Protein backbone atom coordinates (compact mmCIF):
# COMPACT_ATOMS: atom_id res chain seq x y z
CA MET A 1 5.05 -45.34 -41.28
CA LYS A 2 2.18 -43.06 -42.27
CA PHE A 3 1.68 -42.07 -38.62
CA LEU A 4 5.37 -41.15 -38.36
CA ARG A 5 5.14 -38.81 -41.34
CA LEU A 6 1.98 -37.15 -39.98
CA ASN A 7 3.64 -36.77 -36.59
CA ASN A 8 6.70 -35.15 -38.16
CA ILE A 9 4.53 -32.77 -40.18
CA PHE A 10 2.64 -31.79 -37.03
CA PHE A 11 5.90 -31.23 -35.11
CA ILE A 12 7.37 -29.10 -37.90
CA ASN A 13 4.18 -27.05 -38.11
CA LEU A 14 4.14 -26.58 -34.33
CA CYS A 15 7.79 -25.42 -34.32
CA PHE A 16 7.05 -23.02 -37.16
CA GLU A 17 4.06 -21.53 -35.31
CA ILE A 18 6.03 -21.15 -32.10
CA LYS A 19 8.86 -19.55 -34.04
CA ASN A 20 6.51 -16.98 -35.53
CA MET A 21 4.73 -16.44 -32.19
CA ASN A 22 1.35 -17.22 -33.81
CA LEU A 23 0.68 -19.96 -31.30
CA ILE A 24 1.09 -17.62 -28.34
CA LYS A 25 -1.22 -15.04 -29.92
CA LYS A 26 -3.86 -17.70 -30.67
CA LEU A 27 -3.82 -19.36 -27.25
CA GLY A 28 -2.97 -16.41 -25.02
CA THR A 29 -0.34 -16.23 -22.33
CA THR A 30 -2.59 -17.57 -19.61
CA ASN A 31 -3.38 -20.73 -21.56
CA ILE A 32 0.29 -21.21 -22.43
CA LEU A 33 1.23 -20.95 -18.77
CA LEU A 34 -1.48 -23.41 -17.76
CA LEU A 35 -0.35 -25.89 -20.43
CA CYS A 36 3.25 -25.59 -19.20
CA LEU A 37 2.00 -26.17 -15.65
CA CYS A 38 0.13 -29.29 -16.82
CA ALA A 39 3.25 -30.59 -18.55
CA SER A 40 5.29 -30.10 -15.39
CA ILE A 41 2.59 -31.78 -13.29
CA ILE A 42 2.70 -34.79 -15.62
CA ALA A 43 6.50 -34.92 -15.34
CA VAL A 44 6.35 -34.80 -11.54
CA SER A 45 3.65 -37.49 -11.40
CA GLU A 46 5.72 -39.77 -13.65
CA TYR A 47 8.74 -39.23 -11.43
CA LEU A 48 6.71 -40.06 -8.33
CA PHE A 49 5.10 -43.10 -9.96
CA PHE A 50 8.34 -44.61 -11.25
CA SER A 51 10.33 -43.82 -8.11
CA GLY A 52 8.09 -46.15 -6.13
CA ASP A 53 5.50 -43.77 -4.70
CA GLN A 54 2.72 -44.93 -7.02
CA LEU A 55 -0.29 -43.64 -5.13
CA HIS A 56 1.09 -40.11 -4.86
CA GLY A 57 2.05 -40.25 -8.54
CA ILE A 58 -1.51 -41.12 -9.52
CA PHE A 59 -2.91 -38.43 -7.19
CA VAL A 60 -0.69 -35.72 -8.66
CA GLY A 61 -1.36 -36.99 -12.20
CA ILE A 62 -5.08 -36.36 -11.79
CA TRP A 63 -4.45 -32.61 -11.44
CA ALA A 64 -3.43 -32.09 -15.08
CA PRO A 65 -6.76 -33.11 -16.67
CA MET A 66 -8.59 -31.09 -14.01
CA LEU A 67 -6.60 -27.96 -14.92
CA ILE A 68 -7.24 -28.52 -18.63
CA GLY A 69 -10.95 -28.95 -17.91
CA LEU A 70 -11.03 -25.71 -15.92
CA MET A 71 -9.21 -23.96 -18.74
CA ILE A 72 -11.84 -25.12 -21.24
CA PHE A 73 -14.67 -24.21 -18.84
CA PHE A 74 -13.42 -20.67 -18.36
CA LYS A 75 -12.89 -20.27 -22.09
CA LEU A 76 -16.49 -21.32 -22.74
CA ILE A 77 -17.75 -18.84 -20.16
CA ARG A 78 -15.71 -16.08 -21.79
CA ILE A 79 -17.14 -16.97 -25.26
CA ASP A 80 -20.73 -16.77 -23.95
CA ARG A 81 -20.25 -13.17 -22.78
């Protein structure tokens, strides 16, 4: 039950930040677009996996962590400059 309350608090806070556009300012438009791309990749991989094409679902599902890793890598390079 405690996890459910924490999850609801996080969701309410996230909705509030999106509503006030603070989240977009903090992350930047490029990172928001990459995160949306990762979410769509995960959705497509789940569709492929559960529709019976399991190997292609796993292959497409590997792309999302790779994109997030690249996003972190480029952010670290930008911080070093």
